[in-house]
Each structure stands twice: as structure tokens, then as C-alpha cells.
Protein backbone atom coordinates (compact mmCIF):
# COMPACT_ATOMS: atom_id res chain seq x y z
CA UNK A 1 -23.57 134.51 111.56
CA UNK A 2 -20.60 133.02 109.60
CA UNK A 3 -17.89 130.87 111.09
CA UNK A 4 -14.44 130.40 110.33
CA UNK A 5 -11.93 127.62 111.79
CA UNK A 6 -8.33 128.80 111.58
CA UNK A 7 -6.08 125.55 111.30
CA UNK A 8 -2.23 125.94 111.23
CA UNK A 9 0.68 124.36 113.21
CA UNK A 10 1.76 125.12 116.95
CA UNK A 11 4.70 127.01 115.47
CA UNK A 12 2.55 129.59 114.15
CA UNK A 13 0.04 130.37 116.97
CA UNK A 14 1.12 133.44 117.34
CA UNK A 15 -0.17 134.61 113.63
CA UNK A 16 -3.06 133.00 113.55
CA UNK A 17 -4.23 134.58 117.02
CA UNK A 18 -3.35 138.00 115.15
CA UNK A 19 -5.56 136.48 112.23
CA UNK A 20 -8.36 135.43 114.76
CA UNK A 21 -8.36 139.13 116.22
CA UNK A 22 -9.27 140.63 112.71
CA UNK A 23 -11.45 138.35 111.84
CA UNK A 24 -13.39 138.42 115.08
CA UNK A 25 -15.03 142.05 113.57
CA UNK A 26 -16.62 140.41 110.99
CA UNK A 27 -17.15 136.80 111.86
CA UNK A 28 -17.50 133.90 114.56
CA UNK A 29 -14.04 132.53 114.93
CA UNK A 30 -12.85 129.26 116.23
CA UNK A 31 -8.89 128.67 116.62
CA UNK A 32 -6.52 126.00 117.94
CA UNK A 33 -6.49 125.22 121.87
CA UNK A 34 -3.02 126.01 121.77
CA UNK A 35 -0.90 125.22 125.01
CA UNK A 36 1.30 128.47 124.70
CA UNK A 37 4.80 128.04 126.53
CA UNK A 38 5.04 124.03 126.54
CA UNK A 39 3.76 121.39 123.93
CA UNK A 40 1.04 119.36 125.26
CA UNK A 41 1.57 115.37 125.96
CA UNK A 42 0.33 112.82 123.55
CA UNK A 43 -2.83 112.71 125.67
CA UNK A 44 -3.81 116.35 125.60
CA UNK A 45 -2.61 116.50 121.89
CA UNK A 46 -5.40 113.56 120.93
CA UNK A 47 -8.07 115.68 122.96
CA UNK A 48 -7.02 119.00 121.30
CA UNK A 49 -7.19 117.40 117.91
CA UNK A 50 -10.62 115.85 118.68
CA UNK A 51 -12.20 119.19 119.78
CA UNK A 52 -10.69 120.92 116.59
CA UNK A 53 -12.36 118.78 114.20
CA UNK A 54 -15.46 119.35 116.27
CA UNK A 55 -14.73 123.23 115.12
CA UNK A 56 -14.41 122.47 111.55
CA UNK A 57 -17.29 120.41 111.55
CA UNK A 58 -19.43 123.59 112.89
CA UNK A 59 -17.62 126.06 110.70
CA UNK A 60 -18.70 127.02 107.50
CA UNK A 61 -15.00 128.06 106.20
CA UNK A 62 -11.48 126.71 106.96
CA UNK A 63 -8.58 128.90 106.84
CA UNK A 64 -5.27 126.95 107.05
CA UNK A 65 -2.43 129.35 107.91
CA UNK A 66 1.07 128.22 106.66
CA UNK A 67 4.01 130.75 107.48
CA UNK A 68 6.64 128.48 109.20
CA UNK A 69 5.61 124.84 108.54
CA UNK A 70 2.79 122.35 107.79
CA UNK A 71 2.43 119.82 110.38
CA UNK A 72 1.22 116.47 110.09
CA UNK A 73 -1.97 117.56 112.50
CA UNK A 74 -2.70 120.37 110.28
CA UNK A 75 -2.43 118.10 107.37
CA UNK A 76 -4.77 115.96 109.27
CA UNK A 77 -7.13 118.61 110.02
CA UNK A 78 -7.12 119.62 106.08
CA UNK A 79 -7.79 115.78 105.33
CA UNK A 80 -10.92 116.24 107.57
CA UNK A 81 -12.02 119.59 106.28
CA UNK A 82 -11.80 118.13 102.85
CA UNK A 83 -13.58 115.04 103.94
CA UNK A 84 -16.45 116.96 105.20
CA UNK A 85 -16.83 119.07 101.81
CA UNK A 86 -16.20 122.37 103.66
CA UNK A 87 -14.83 125.73 101.89
CA UNK A 88 -11.27 125.79 102.36
CA UNK A 89 -8.93 128.88 102.11
CA UNK A 90 -5.03 128.70 102.27
CA UNK A 91 -3.21 131.43 103.58
CA UNK A 92 1.26 130.68 103.06
CA UNK A 93 4.01 133.37 103.48
CA UNK A 94 0.94 136.40 102.72
CA UNK A 95 -0.21 134.05 99.41
CA UNK A 96 -3.91 133.64 99.54
CA UNK A 97 -5.01 130.76 97.53
CA UNK A 98 -8.84 130.01 97.33
CA UNK A 99 -11.05 127.56 95.22
CA UNK A 100 -8.29 124.79 95.78
CA UNK A 101 -7.81 122.61 92.55
CA UNK A 102 -9.58 119.48 92.59
CA UNK A 103 -6.24 117.71 91.79
CA UNK A 104 -5.05 119.14 95.78
CA UNK A 105 -8.40 117.71 97.42
CA UNK A 106 -8.04 114.62 95.67
CA UNK A 107 -4.88 114.03 96.49
CA UNK A 108 -6.00 114.15 100.37
CA UNK A 109 -9.15 111.83 99.76
CA UNK A 110 -6.61 109.45 98.18
CA UNK A 111 -4.72 109.69 101.56
CA UNK A 112 -7.40 108.91 103.79
CA UNK A 113 -7.53 105.69 102.63
């Protein structure tokens, strides 16, 4: 079955989980493991990021959901997904961008060095 990995800021957790419920009807869906109610400490955050990279590894498509902000960790996830040649879709405030242009992915490839 086709696997989706949803990514986005802690501030957009509710929106990410809202989309996950919709996608679960047709796909296997991975979401960030946010600790709702509090922000994780540095060690927890590092563990969560590493676990989310593994979710990206096993997913067929990565969907980035940006409604309030684009955080640093989300940019790391995006760079990682690009480096892994994953299919990426970006959802920004109800605007969906598919087939990310080469210039965009090139920028992230440059940034990872």
C-alpha cells in the first residue's frame, strides 16, 4: 500500500493530524510524533527528528503542511526528503504545490553541504 509521510511545524500539529485522518482512508500515513501540550527537550527533539527521518525513508511521498510557519526542523526534513529523492508535495494555506521545480530542490541540495 502507498505510504505518505506528513511533515510540518509543531505549531501546525492539529492541521497535520486533521489531514492524517483524511488520508488514512486510502493510504498508510506517518506523522511527526509531536508531544502535544508541551515542547520536547533537546534530547527528545533529536530522537523525534531521527525517528521522523526513518518515516521519510520508508514513505513513497512526503507532504509538507505549512499553515502558520516553516520551522527549522521542517526545513531539515525537506532537505532530507530531497536528498533521498522522495516525491514531495507542499501544502501552504490551502495552496497545493506538486512537482516541485528543479530550482527549489537545487537550493536544498546546495544547502545540505
